[in-house]
Every structure is written in C-alpha cells, then in structure tokens.
C-alpha cells in the first residue's frame, strides 16, 4: 500500500525531474538565441552578461539615437526563468525615466511580455529573446503607447503639454540616464 508520504515523495521527485528538464530545454534555447541576438542586435543596443556561463540573466542597454529619450542610456535587467519559452522573460528597467509605458519603479508595459494580451500580441512559445530586445528598443520610438499607459501621469502630461513632457523627459535623462 502506498502511503501519503510516499506519494508526496514521488510527486516531489517527478516535479524536480520536470523542472530540470525544462531548465535543460531553456538552456539549449538560450545558447541558440544568444547567438541570434548578437547577430541581429539593433545598433543602439548592447547586451552584457554578469556571468558568461549563465545566459539566463543579462542586461540590455538601449541608447536611443532619436526621439524624446535621445542621449540617454537605459538599462533593462532580463531574467529568463526555467519555464521559458512557455512564459516570457522577466524584464525590469533599472534606469529611472519618465515614460508612459515604464514606471519610475522599473515596471515595463509591453504586450509581448504578457502571457495573455488583449491585443493578441502577447507572449507565445514562438517568440524569442530577440523579439523582447527589439520591443524594448521600440518603446523609445514607434511602440510608444500613450493610449494604454502604465505611467498614467506621464501619458496625461504628454496629452496636455508635449513641451512640459519633453522637459520632464530631458530632466530625467540628465539626472538618471547619463553614462
């Protein structure tokens, strides 16, 4: 007769094996995707690994060459969990900035980082880290969204006074986003 403790032990061992298997799949994907990112990286972006043997955590640096944030350097911490590619990576902006889609605390509003997105552009297993990099870069140019803001105050400021918005962005860039 199987006891409850034996059943729990078996489940624990099965869960550990499953997690190890997912991590292995993730690691194989990361090797391929790291090479792809290096080849297709936008000119204004760079990637830095704290540990070259750990491709699951890296810093993306975006230095926009046009638009409101031009001249700033913005750092994003990107962590790829064991559940990748079934779930999106975790992204946090490490640079304080004034942006309608990024909070001052670093939360990022980007459809493809959502598991379930209203617009249908959310994460799916066919997405790649390169999509995340290009999406984050585009938040400084053409993906700028004032209609579905995460930082409502920034979006409202833009709607009411583009000049005031621009000055506030420039102030943040000068204070927080210079190398």
C-alpha atoms as a PDB file:
ATOM      1  CA  UNK A   1       0.000   0.000   0.000  1.00  0.00           C
ATOM      2  CA  UNK A   2       1.310   3.431  -0.928  1.00  0.00           C
ATOM      3  CA  UNK A   3       1.198   5.945   1.898  1.00  0.00           C
ATOM      4  CA  UNK A   4       0.577   9.640   1.562  1.00  0.00           C
ATOM      5  CA  UNK A   5       4.216  10.435   2.378  1.00  0.00           C
ATOM      6  CA  UNK A   6       5.421   8.043  -0.339  1.00  0.00           C
ATOM      7  CA  UNK A   7       3.022   9.614  -2.832  1.00  0.00           C
ATOM      8  CA  UNK A   8       4.247  13.114  -1.927  1.00  0.00           C
ATOM      9  CA  UNK A   9       7.869  11.987  -2.226  1.00  0.00           C
ATOM     10  CA  UNK A  10       7.218  10.564  -5.710  1.00  0.00           C
ATOM     11  CA  UNK A  11       5.438  13.747  -6.770  1.00  0.00           C
ATOM     12  CA  UNK A  12       8.357  15.816  -5.473  1.00  0.00           C
ATOM     13  CA  UNK A  13      10.850  13.697  -7.430  1.00  0.00           C
ATOM     14  CA  UNK A  14       8.698  13.959 -10.573  1.00  0.00           C
ATOM     15  CA  UNK A  15       8.410  17.743 -10.161  1.00  0.00           C
ATOM     16  CA  UNK A  16      12.197  18.052  -9.731  1.00  0.00           C
ATOM     17  CA  UNK A  17      12.812  15.988 -12.858  1.00  0.00           C
ATOM     18  CA  UNK A  18      10.298  18.090 -14.769  1.00  0.00           C
ATOM     19  CA  UNK A  19      11.939  21.337 -13.616  1.00  0.00           C
ATOM     20  CA  UNK A  20      15.389  20.032 -14.543  1.00  0.00           C
ATOM     21  CA  UNK A  21      14.073  19.006 -17.964  1.00  0.00           C
ATOM     22  CA  UNK A  22      12.527  22.462 -18.528  1.00  0.00           C
ATOM     23  CA  UNK A  23      15.769  24.139 -17.456  1.00  0.00           C
ATOM     24  CA  UNK A  24      17.672  21.954 -19.889  1.00  0.00           C
ATOM     25  CA  UNK A  25      15.338  22.931 -22.738  1.00  0.00           C
ATOM     26  CA  UNK A  26      15.648  26.574 -21.714  1.00  0.00           C
ATOM     27  CA  UNK A  27      19.448  26.385 -21.649  1.00  0.00           C
ATOM     28  CA  UNK A  28      19.594  24.865 -25.130  1.00  0.00           C
ATOM     29  CA  UNK A  29      17.279  27.574 -26.439  1.00  0.00           C
ATOM     30  CA  UNK A  30      19.352  30.281 -24.749  1.00  0.00           C
ATOM     31  CA  UNK A  31      22.566  29.217 -26.473  1.00  0.00           C
ATOM     32  CA  UNK A  32      20.878  29.476 -29.861  1.00  0.00           C
ATOM     33  CA  UNK A  33      19.046  32.708 -29.031  1.00  0.00           C
ATOM     34  CA  UNK A  34      22.127  34.429 -27.567  1.00  0.00           C
ATOM     35  CA  UNK A  35      23.905  33.869 -30.884  1.00  0.00           C
ATOM     36  CA  UNK A  36      20.860  35.159 -32.785  1.00  0.00           C
ATOM     37  CA  UNK A  37      20.659  38.273 -30.593  1.00  0.00           C
ATOM     38  CA  UNK A  38      24.346  39.030 -31.139  1.00  0.00           C
ATOM     39  CA  UNK A  39      23.815  38.922 -34.921  1.00  0.00           C
ATOM     40  CA  UNK A  40      20.543  40.874 -35.041  1.00  0.00           C
ATOM     41  CA  UNK A  41      21.020  43.407 -32.240  1.00  0.00           C
ATOM     42  CA  UNK A  42      19.855  46.949 -33.070  1.00  0.00           C
ATOM     43  CA  UNK A  43      22.784  49.351 -33.457  1.00  0.00           C
ATOM     44  CA  UNK A  44      21.710  51.358 -30.395  1.00  0.00           C
ATOM     45  CA  UNK A  45      21.595  48.305 -28.113  1.00  0.00           C
ATOM     46  CA  UNK A  46      24.140  46.153 -26.337  1.00  0.00           C
ATOM     47  CA  UNK A  47      23.920  43.108 -24.096  1.00  0.00           C
ATOM     48  CA  UNK A  48      26.080  42.356 -21.070  1.00  0.00           C
ATOM     49  CA  UNK A  49      26.187  39.103 -19.134  1.00  0.00           C
ATOM     50  CA  UNK A  50      27.280  39.262 -15.485  1.00  0.00           C
ATOM     51  CA  UNK A  51      28.346  35.637 -15.858  1.00  0.00           C
ATOM     52  CA  UNK A  52      29.226  34.411 -19.355  1.00  0.00           C
ATOM     53  CA  UNK A  53      28.242  30.876 -18.279  1.00  0.00           C
ATOM     54  CA  UNK A  54      24.732  31.973 -17.316  1.00  0.00           C
ATOM     55  CA  UNK A  55      22.770  33.116 -20.347  1.00  0.00           C
ATOM     56  CA  UNK A  56      19.523  33.290 -18.357  1.00  0.00           C
ATOM     57  CA  UNK A  57      20.287  36.706 -16.871  1.00  0.00           C
ATOM     58  CA  UNK A  58      21.621  39.701 -18.746  1.00  0.00           C
ATOM     59  CA  UNK A  59      21.473  43.457 -19.001  1.00  0.00           C
ATOM     60  CA  UNK A  60      20.165  45.102 -22.156  1.00  0.00           C
ATOM     61  CA  UNK A  61      21.427  48.637 -22.667  1.00  0.00           C
ATOM     62  CA  UNK A  62      19.408  50.857 -25.003  1.00  0.00           C
ATOM     63  CA  UNK A  63      20.847  54.198 -26.147  1.00  0.00           C
ATOM     64  CA  UNK A  64      18.201  55.845 -28.345  1.00  0.00           C
ATOM     65  CA  UNK A  65      19.537  57.861 -31.261  1.00  0.00           C
ATOM     66  CA  UNK A  66      16.269  59.703 -31.885  1.00  0.00           C
ATOM     67  CA  UNK A  67      13.116  60.783 -30.095  1.00  0.00           C
ATOM     68  CA  UNK A  68      12.454  62.153 -26.625  1.00  0.00           C
ATOM     69  CA  UNK A  69      14.991  59.897 -24.867  1.00  0.00           C
ATOM     70  CA  UNK A  70      17.858  60.550 -27.297  1.00  0.00           C
ATOM     71  CA  UNK A  71      21.159  60.869 -25.460  1.00  0.00           C
ATOM     72  CA  UNK A  72      20.104  58.670 -22.554  1.00  0.00           C
ATOM     73  CA  UNK A  73      21.355  55.224 -21.645  1.00  0.00           C
ATOM     74  CA  UNK A  74      18.699  52.869 -20.320  1.00  0.00           C
ATOM     75  CA  UNK A  75      19.404  49.539 -18.640  1.00  0.00           C
ATOM     76  CA  UNK A  76      16.987  46.620 -18.519  1.00  0.00           C
ATOM     77  CA  UNK A  77      17.518  43.536 -16.375  1.00  0.00           C
ATOM     78  CA  UNK A  78      16.238  40.492 -18.261  1.00  0.00           C
ATOM     79  CA  UNK A  79      15.794  37.189 -16.442  1.00  0.00           C
ATOM     80  CA  UNK A  80      14.814  34.036 -18.272  1.00  0.00           C
ATOM     81  CA  UNK A  81      13.056  31.614 -15.920  1.00  0.00           C
ATOM     82  CA  UNK A  82      13.123  27.816 -16.091  1.00  0.00           C
ATOM     83  CA  UNK A  83       9.664  27.895 -17.721  1.00  0.00           C
ATOM     84  CA  UNK A  84      10.991  29.732 -20.791  1.00  0.00           C
ATOM     85  CA  UNK A  85       9.809  29.593 -23.649  1.00  0.00           C
ATOM     86  CA  UNK A  86       6.351  28.845 -22.333  1.00  0.00           C
ATOM     87  CA  UNK A  87       6.454  32.071 -20.308  1.00  0.00           C
ATOM     88  CA  UNK A  88       8.083  35.392 -21.203  1.00  0.00           C
ATOM     89  CA  UNK A  89      11.281  36.580 -19.563  1.00  0.00           C
ATOM     90  CA  UNK A  90      11.012  38.904 -16.582  1.00  0.00           C
ATOM     91  CA  UNK A  91      12.057  42.443 -17.501  1.00  0.00           C
ATOM     92  CA  UNK A  92      12.751  45.375 -15.217  1.00  0.00           C
ATOM     93  CA  UNK A  93      14.054  48.793 -16.205  1.00  0.00           C
ATOM     94  CA  UNK A  94      16.962  49.678 -13.920  1.00  0.00           C
ATOM     95  CA  UNK A  95      17.160  53.298 -15.088  1.00  0.00           C
ATOM     96  CA  UNK A  96      14.701  55.786 -13.645  1.00  0.00           C
ATOM     97  CA  UNK A  97      12.914  57.513 -16.511  1.00  0.00           C
ATOM     98  CA  UNK A  98       9.789  59.431 -17.436  1.00  0.00           C
ATOM     99  CA  UNK A  99       7.894  57.252 -19.879  1.00  0.00           C
ATOM    100  CA  UNK A 100       4.213  56.345 -20.380  1.00  0.00           C
ATOM    101  CA  UNK A 101       4.970  52.610 -20.685  1.00  0.00           C
ATOM    102  CA  UNK A 102       7.637  52.275 -17.965  1.00  0.00           C
ATOM    103  CA  UNK A 103       7.088  53.232 -14.350  1.00  0.00           C
ATOM    104  CA  UNK A 104       9.677  55.042 -12.259  1.00  0.00           C
ATOM    105  CA  UNK A 105       9.988  51.778 -10.302  1.00  0.00           C
ATOM    106  CA  UNK A 106      11.006  49.935 -13.493  1.00  0.00           C
ATOM    107  CA  UNK A 107       7.854  48.023 -14.435  1.00  0.00           C
ATOM    108  CA  UNK A 108       7.518  47.684 -18.201  1.00  0.00           C
ATOM    109  CA  UNK A 109       4.281  47.634 -20.205  1.00  0.00           C
ATOM    110  CA  UNK A 110       4.958  45.783 -23.442  1.00  0.00           C
ATOM    111  CA  UNK A 111       2.348  43.434 -24.926  1.00  0.00           C
ATOM    112  CA  UNK A 112       4.770  40.670 -25.787  1.00  0.00           C
ATOM    113  CA  UNK A 113       5.844  40.446 -22.123  1.00  0.00           C
ATOM    114  CA  UNK A 114       2.312  39.467 -21.129  1.00  0.00           C
ATOM    115  CA  UNK A 115       1.226  35.859 -21.138  1.00  0.00           C
ATOM    116  CA  UNK A 116      -2.292  36.900 -22.080  1.00  0.00           C
ATOM    117  CA  UNK A 117      -2.650  40.121 -24.007  1.00  0.00           C
ATOM    118  CA  UNK A 118      -5.877  41.826 -25.009  1.00  0.00           C
ATOM    119  CA  UNK A 119      -4.390  42.876 -28.350  1.00  0.00           C
ATOM    120  CA  UNK A 120      -3.333  39.333 -29.243  1.00  0.00           C
ATOM    121  CA  UNK A 121       0.322  40.350 -29.356  1.00  0.00           C
ATOM    122  CA  UNK A 122       1.249  38.689 -26.063  1.00  0.00           C
ATOM    123  CA  UNK A 123       3.845  36.053 -25.377  1.00  0.00           C
ATOM    124  CA  UNK A 124       3.737  32.718 -27.148  1.00  0.00           C
ATOM    125  CA  UNK A 125       6.301  29.910 -27.440  1.00  0.00           C
ATOM    126  CA  UNK A 126       7.246  31.082 -30.940  1.00  0.00           C
ATOM    127  CA  UNK A 127       8.558  34.381 -29.561  1.00  0.00           C
ATOM    128  CA  UNK A 128      12.275  34.812 -28.957  1.00  0.00           C
ATOM    129  CA  UNK A 129      14.523  36.981 -26.827  1.00  0.00           C
ATOM    130  CA  UNK A 130      15.332  38.956 -29.947  1.00  0.00           C
ATOM    131  CA  UNK A 131      11.650  39.996 -30.061  1.00  0.00           C
ATOM    132  CA  UNK A 132      11.968  41.272 -26.487  1.00  0.00           C
ATOM    133  CA  UNK A 133      15.108  43.261 -27.316  1.00  0.00           C
ATOM    134  CA  UNK A 134      13.544  44.859 -30.396  1.00  0.00           C
ATOM    135  CA  UNK A 135      10.315  45.526 -28.463  1.00  0.00           C
ATOM    136  CA  UNK A 136      12.131  47.285 -25.622  1.00  0.00           C
ATOM    137  CA  UNK A 137      14.134  49.317 -28.124  1.00  0.00           C
ATOM    138  CA  UNK A 138      10.920  50.273 -29.947  1.00  0.00           C
ATOM    139  CA  UNK A 139       9.418  51.638 -26.702  1.00  0.00           C
ATOM    140  CA  UNK A 140      11.671  54.624 -27.289  1.00  0.00           C
ATOM    141  CA  UNK A 141      10.381  55.215 -30.829  1.00  0.00           C
ATOM    142  CA  UNK A 142       7.444  53.644 -32.666  1.00  0.00           C
ATOM    143  CA  UNK A 143       5.902  51.427 -29.939  1.00  0.00           C
ATOM    144  CA  UNK A 144       5.427  54.362 -27.617  1.00  0.00           C
ATOM    145  CA  UNK A 145       1.830  53.975 -26.416  1.00  0.00           C
ATOM    146  CA  UNK A 146       0.007  56.857 -24.751  1.00  0.00           C
ATOM    147  CA  UNK A 147      -3.405  55.148 -25.052  1.00  0.00           C
ATOM    148  CA  UNK A 148      -2.662  52.211 -22.703  1.00  0.00           C
ATOM    149  CA  UNK A 149      -0.109  53.724 -20.310  1.00  0.00           C
ATOM    150  CA  UNK A 150       1.449  52.144 -17.266  1.00  0.00           C
ATOM    151  CA  UNK A 151       2.588  55.583 -16.081  1.00  0.00           C
ATOM    152  CA  UNK A 152      -0.722  57.440 -16.425  1.00  0.00           C
ATOM    153  CA  UNK A 153       0.754  60.731 -15.183  1.00  0.00           C
ATOM    154  CA  UNK A 154       3.353  60.739 -17.983  1.00  0.00           C
ATOM    155  CA  UNK A 155       0.695  59.987 -20.608  1.00  0.00           C
ATOM    156  CA  UNK A 156      -1.588  62.724 -19.285  1.00  0.00           C
ATOM    157  CA  UNK A 157       1.282  65.213 -19.299  1.00  0.00           C
ATOM    158  CA  UNK A 158       2.000  64.333 -22.946  1.00  0.00           C
ATOM    159  CA  UNK A 159      -1.661  64.796 -23.898  1.00  0.00           C
ATOM    160  CA  UNK A 160      -1.909  68.195 -22.184  1.00  0.00           C
ATOM    161  CA  UNK A 161       1.539  69.646 -22.880  1.00  0.00           C
ATOM    162  CA  UNK A 162       4.055  67.972 -25.141  1.00  0.00           C
ATOM    163  CA  UNK A 163       6.570  70.675 -24.244  1.00  0.00           C
ATOM    164  CA  UNK A 164       6.231  70.020 -20.494  1.00  0.00           C
ATOM    165  CA  UNK A 165       6.531  66.278 -21.188  1.00  0.00           C
ATOM    166  CA  UNK A 166       9.681  66.822 -23.247  1.00  0.00           C
ATOM    167  CA  UNK A 167      11.251  68.958 -20.498  1.00  0.00           C
ATOM    168  CA  UNK A 168      10.467  66.337 -17.856  1.00  0.00           C
ATOM    169  CA  UNK A 169      11.978  63.575 -20.034  1.00  0.00           C
ATOM    170  CA  UNK A 170      15.097  65.684 -20.585  1.00  0.00           C
ATOM    171  CA  UNK A 171      15.383  66.289 -16.831  1.00  0.00           C
ATOM    172  CA  UNK A 172      15.188  62.543 -16.135  1.00  0.00           C
ATOM    173  CA  UNK A 173      17.691  61.763 -18.884  1.00  0.00           C
ATOM    174  CA  UNK A 174      20.132  64.354 -17.478  1.00  0.00           C
ATOM    175  CA  UNK A 175      19.714  63.128 -13.879  1.00  0.00           C
ATOM    176  CA  UNK A 176      19.402  59.365 -14.271  1.00  0.00           C
ATOM    177  CA  UNK A 177      20.290  58.175 -17.778  1.00  0.00           C
ATOM    178  CA  UNK A 178      23.756  59.556 -18.470  1.00  0.00           C
ATOM    179  CA  UNK A 179      26.715  57.157 -18.610  1.00  0.00           C
END
